[in-house]
N, C-alpha and C. Protein backbone atom coordinates (compact mmCIF):
# COMPACT_ATOMS: atom_id res chain seq x y z
N ALA A 1 24.30 82.78 29.32
CA ALA A 1 22.92 82.27 29.65
C ALA A 1 21.86 83.09 29.02
N HIS A 2 22.09 84.50 28.88
CA HIS A 2 21.06 85.30 28.37
C HIS A 2 20.84 85.02 26.94
N THR A 3 21.93 84.77 26.15
CA THR A 3 21.90 84.40 24.71
C THR A 3 21.10 83.20 24.55
N ILE A 4 21.41 82.10 25.46
CA ILE A 4 20.76 80.85 25.21
C ILE A 4 19.26 80.87 25.57
N ALA A 5 18.88 81.89 26.50
CA ALA A 5 17.56 82.06 26.92
C ALA A 5 16.71 82.60 25.79
N ARG A 6 17.35 83.15 24.83
CA ARG A 6 16.49 83.66 23.66
C ARG A 6 16.52 82.85 22.49
N ALA A 7 16.92 81.57 22.69
CA ALA A 7 16.94 80.57 21.57
C ALA A 7 15.48 80.26 21.27
N PRO A 8 15.12 80.45 19.85
CA PRO A 8 13.74 80.17 19.45
C PRO A 8 13.33 78.70 19.98
N GLY A 9 12.13 78.73 20.52
CA GLY A 9 11.57 77.48 20.91
C GLY A 9 11.98 76.91 22.24
N LEU A 10 13.01 77.65 22.93
CA LEU A 10 13.55 77.00 24.25
C LEU A 10 12.52 77.31 25.31
N ALA A 11 12.13 76.30 26.02
CA ALA A 11 11.24 76.40 27.19
C ALA A 11 12.08 76.68 28.44
N CYS A 12 13.15 75.79 28.58
CA CYS A 12 14.07 75.91 29.70
C CYS A 12 15.36 75.22 29.53
N LYS A 13 16.48 75.48 30.30
CA LYS A 13 17.64 74.89 30.29
C LYS A 13 17.90 74.55 31.72
N ILE A 14 18.51 73.32 31.99
CA ILE A 14 19.00 73.02 33.32
C ILE A 14 20.57 72.85 33.11
N TRP A 15 21.22 73.56 34.02
CA TRP A 15 22.69 73.56 33.90
C TRP A 15 23.28 72.65 34.98
N GLY A 16 24.26 71.84 34.60
CA GLY A 16 24.97 70.99 35.63
C GLY A 16 26.57 71.15 35.41
N LEU A 17 27.27 71.14 36.45
CA LEU A 17 28.63 71.34 36.34
C LEU A 17 29.31 70.57 37.62
N ASP A 18 30.23 69.63 37.25
CA ASP A 18 30.95 68.86 38.35
C ASP A 18 32.17 69.77 38.67
N PRO A 19 32.17 70.33 39.81
CA PRO A 19 33.25 71.20 40.24
C PRO A 19 34.59 70.57 40.33
N GLU A 20 34.73 69.23 40.50
CA GLU A 20 35.99 68.43 40.71
C GLU A 20 36.52 68.27 39.21
N THR A 21 35.70 67.98 38.47
CA THR A 21 36.23 67.61 37.05
C THR A 21 36.20 68.83 36.04
N GLY A 22 35.20 69.74 36.33
CA GLY A 22 34.90 70.79 35.42
C GLY A 22 34.06 70.37 34.30
N ARG A 23 33.58 69.19 34.21
CA ARG A 23 32.73 68.63 33.32
C ARG A 23 31.32 69.12 33.46
N GLY A 24 30.65 69.54 32.30
CA GLY A 24 29.38 70.25 32.35
C GLY A 24 28.32 69.30 31.64
N THR A 25 27.10 69.45 32.01
CA THR A 25 25.98 68.88 31.13
C THR A 25 24.88 69.86 31.25
N SER A 26 24.17 69.70 30.17
CA SER A 26 22.96 70.53 30.10
C SER A 26 21.80 69.75 29.61
N ILE A 27 20.61 70.06 30.05
CA ILE A 27 19.27 69.47 29.54
C ILE A 27 18.51 70.74 29.09
N TYR A 28 18.12 70.61 27.84
CA TYR A 28 17.28 71.60 27.20
C TYR A 28 15.85 71.05 26.99
N LEU A 29 14.77 71.97 27.25
CA LEU A 29 13.45 71.45 26.97
C LEU A 29 13.02 72.50 25.82
N PHE A 30 12.71 71.97 24.65
CA PHE A 30 12.13 72.80 23.54
C PHE A 30 10.68 72.64 23.43
N ARG A 31 10.01 73.51 22.81
CA ARG A 31 8.50 73.45 22.53
C ARG A 31 8.29 72.45 21.50
N ASP A 32 9.24 72.25 20.59
CA ASP A 32 8.98 71.14 19.56
C ASP A 32 10.37 70.50 19.03
N ALA A 33 10.33 69.55 18.34
CA ALA A 33 11.46 68.88 17.78
C ALA A 33 12.25 69.69 16.78
N ALA A 34 11.59 70.41 15.98
CA ALA A 34 12.15 71.36 14.97
C ALA A 34 13.06 72.33 15.66
N ALA A 35 12.67 72.95 16.76
CA ALA A 35 13.45 73.89 17.46
C ALA A 35 14.61 73.30 18.12
N ALA A 36 14.44 72.06 18.66
CA ALA A 36 15.61 71.39 19.21
C ALA A 36 16.71 71.04 18.12
N ARG A 37 16.24 70.51 16.96
CA ARG A 37 17.08 70.12 15.85
C ARG A 37 17.85 71.52 15.38
N ALA A 38 17.07 72.66 15.34
CA ALA A 38 17.76 73.93 14.93
C ALA A 38 18.78 74.33 15.77
N PHE A 39 18.44 74.23 17.11
CA PHE A 39 19.48 74.64 18.11
C PHE A 39 20.73 73.79 18.05
N ALA A 40 20.65 72.42 18.10
CA ALA A 40 21.57 71.57 17.95
C ALA A 40 22.55 71.69 16.74
N ALA A 41 21.93 72.26 15.64
CA ALA A 41 22.68 72.44 14.49
C ALA A 41 23.15 74.01 14.30
N GLY A 42 22.92 74.81 15.40
CA GLY A 42 23.18 76.24 15.22
C GLY A 42 24.41 76.62 15.85
N PRO A 43 24.62 77.96 15.89
CA PRO A 43 25.96 78.65 16.22
C PRO A 43 26.16 78.41 17.65
N ALA A 44 25.35 78.19 18.71
CA ALA A 44 25.74 78.21 20.18
C ALA A 44 26.45 76.79 20.23
N ILE A 45 25.91 75.82 19.80
CA ILE A 45 26.66 74.40 19.89
C ILE A 45 27.85 74.37 19.06
N SER A 46 27.83 74.97 17.92
CA SER A 46 29.10 75.13 17.09
C SER A 46 30.13 75.83 17.75
N ALA A 47 29.78 76.85 18.56
CA ALA A 47 30.79 77.62 19.24
C ALA A 47 31.48 76.79 20.40
N LEU A 48 30.65 76.05 21.04
CA LEU A 48 31.10 75.10 22.08
C LEU A 48 32.09 74.14 21.50
N ARG A 49 31.79 73.55 20.47
CA ARG A 49 32.56 72.50 19.77
C ARG A 49 34.00 73.14 19.32
N ASN A 50 34.01 74.38 18.88
CA ASN A 50 35.03 75.07 18.43
C ASN A 50 35.89 75.76 19.53
N GLY A 51 35.40 75.73 20.65
CA GLY A 51 35.95 76.50 21.89
C GLY A 51 36.81 75.48 22.65
N PRO A 52 37.00 75.91 23.85
CA PRO A 52 37.84 74.96 24.81
C PRO A 52 37.07 73.78 25.33
N ALA A 53 35.82 73.67 25.12
CA ALA A 53 34.99 72.49 25.59
C ALA A 53 35.39 71.26 24.93
N GLU A 54 35.53 70.12 25.56
CA GLU A 54 35.85 68.85 25.04
C GLU A 54 34.65 67.92 24.88
N ASP A 55 34.69 67.09 23.87
CA ASP A 55 33.56 66.00 23.84
C ASP A 55 32.09 66.54 23.88
N VAL A 56 31.82 67.58 23.13
CA VAL A 56 30.55 68.21 23.07
C VAL A 56 29.69 67.29 22.20
N THR A 57 28.63 66.84 22.77
CA THR A 57 27.78 65.98 22.04
C THR A 57 26.25 66.44 22.24
N THR A 58 25.44 66.20 21.30
CA THR A 58 24.02 66.46 21.39
C THR A 58 23.19 65.18 21.20
N ARG A 59 22.05 65.20 21.92
CA ARG A 59 21.17 64.12 21.59
C ARG A 59 19.71 64.62 21.73
N ILE A 60 18.85 64.26 20.87
CA ILE A 60 17.55 64.76 20.93
C ILE A 60 16.64 63.54 21.04
N ALA A 61 15.72 63.72 22.09
CA ALA A 61 14.79 62.60 22.37
C ALA A 61 13.52 63.23 22.78
N PRO A 62 12.42 62.43 22.36
CA PRO A 62 10.99 62.87 22.88
C PRO A 62 10.89 62.84 24.39
N VAL A 63 10.12 63.58 24.95
CA VAL A 63 9.79 63.61 26.38
C VAL A 63 8.69 62.47 26.57
N ASP A 64 8.93 61.70 27.63
CA ASP A 64 7.88 60.77 28.10
C ASP A 64 7.06 61.59 29.09
N VAL A 65 5.95 62.08 28.65
CA VAL A 65 5.11 62.92 29.44
C VAL A 65 4.63 62.30 30.75
N ALA A 66 4.09 61.05 30.56
CA ALA A 66 3.43 60.42 31.70
C ALA A 66 4.46 60.17 32.77
N LEU A 67 5.70 59.67 32.44
CA LEU A 67 6.71 59.39 33.48
C LEU A 67 7.30 60.68 34.15
N SER A 68 7.35 61.72 33.25
CA SER A 68 7.88 63.01 33.63
C SER A 68 6.97 63.69 34.63
N ILE A 69 5.60 63.54 34.55
CA ILE A 69 4.63 64.14 35.37
C ILE A 69 4.75 63.34 36.75
N ILE A 70 4.99 61.99 36.68
CA ILE A 70 5.11 61.26 38.00
C ILE A 70 6.19 61.71 38.84
N THR A 71 7.36 62.16 38.17
CA THR A 71 8.52 62.55 38.90
C THR A 71 8.68 64.06 39.13
N GLY A 72 7.42 64.73 38.85
CA GLY A 72 7.36 66.16 39.21
C GLY A 72 7.76 67.19 38.25
N ALA A 73 7.77 66.86 36.86
CA ALA A 73 8.10 67.76 35.88
C ALA A 73 6.92 68.54 35.27
N SER A 74 5.80 68.46 35.88
CA SER A 74 4.71 69.22 35.47
C SER A 74 4.81 70.68 35.08
N GLY A 75 5.49 71.39 35.92
CA GLY A 75 5.87 72.81 35.75
C GLY A 75 6.77 72.99 34.50
N ALA A 76 7.82 72.13 34.42
CA ALA A 76 8.65 72.29 33.21
C ALA A 76 7.93 72.02 31.95
N LEU A 77 7.02 70.91 31.91
CA LEU A 77 6.29 70.59 30.68
C LEU A 77 5.32 71.62 30.37
N ALA A 78 4.72 72.32 31.27
CA ALA A 78 3.73 73.40 31.04
C ALA A 78 4.62 74.63 30.28
N LEU A 79 5.91 74.74 30.60
CA LEU A 79 6.64 75.80 29.89
C LEU A 79 6.78 75.43 28.43
N SER A 80 6.92 74.08 28.10
CA SER A 80 7.16 73.70 26.81
C SER A 80 5.95 73.78 25.84
N GLU A 81 4.76 73.96 26.49
CA GLU A 81 3.54 74.02 25.51
C GLU A 81 3.72 75.35 24.80
N PRO A 82 3.38 75.29 23.45
CA PRO A 82 3.31 76.41 22.57
C PRO A 82 2.13 77.36 23.20
N ALA A 83 2.36 78.69 23.10
CA ALA A 83 1.39 79.61 23.56
C ALA A 83 0.03 79.32 22.77
N GLY A 84 -1.08 79.49 23.55
CA GLY A 84 -2.39 79.36 23.02
C GLY A 84 -2.87 77.85 23.06
N GLU A 85 -2.07 76.89 23.62
CA GLU A 85 -2.66 75.53 23.64
C GLU A 85 -2.97 75.18 25.02
């Protein structure tokens, strides 16, 4: 977790794990699309794919800010704003 926390452009990561199946999921919020693409193509995801994890996939999608605010994501979205904006 500490290594991932230092990923360039990462605002936050939400961790999920189903204890019955051992299947995990993660949602990453990056400050920009370039940082998300770099992370998806980088060593952390590569290590997961080459390790014991199965079916490691990545998807990059823009955030729907209006809907996210309605459902309470204002705090997380504030984290994703680049410094000084």
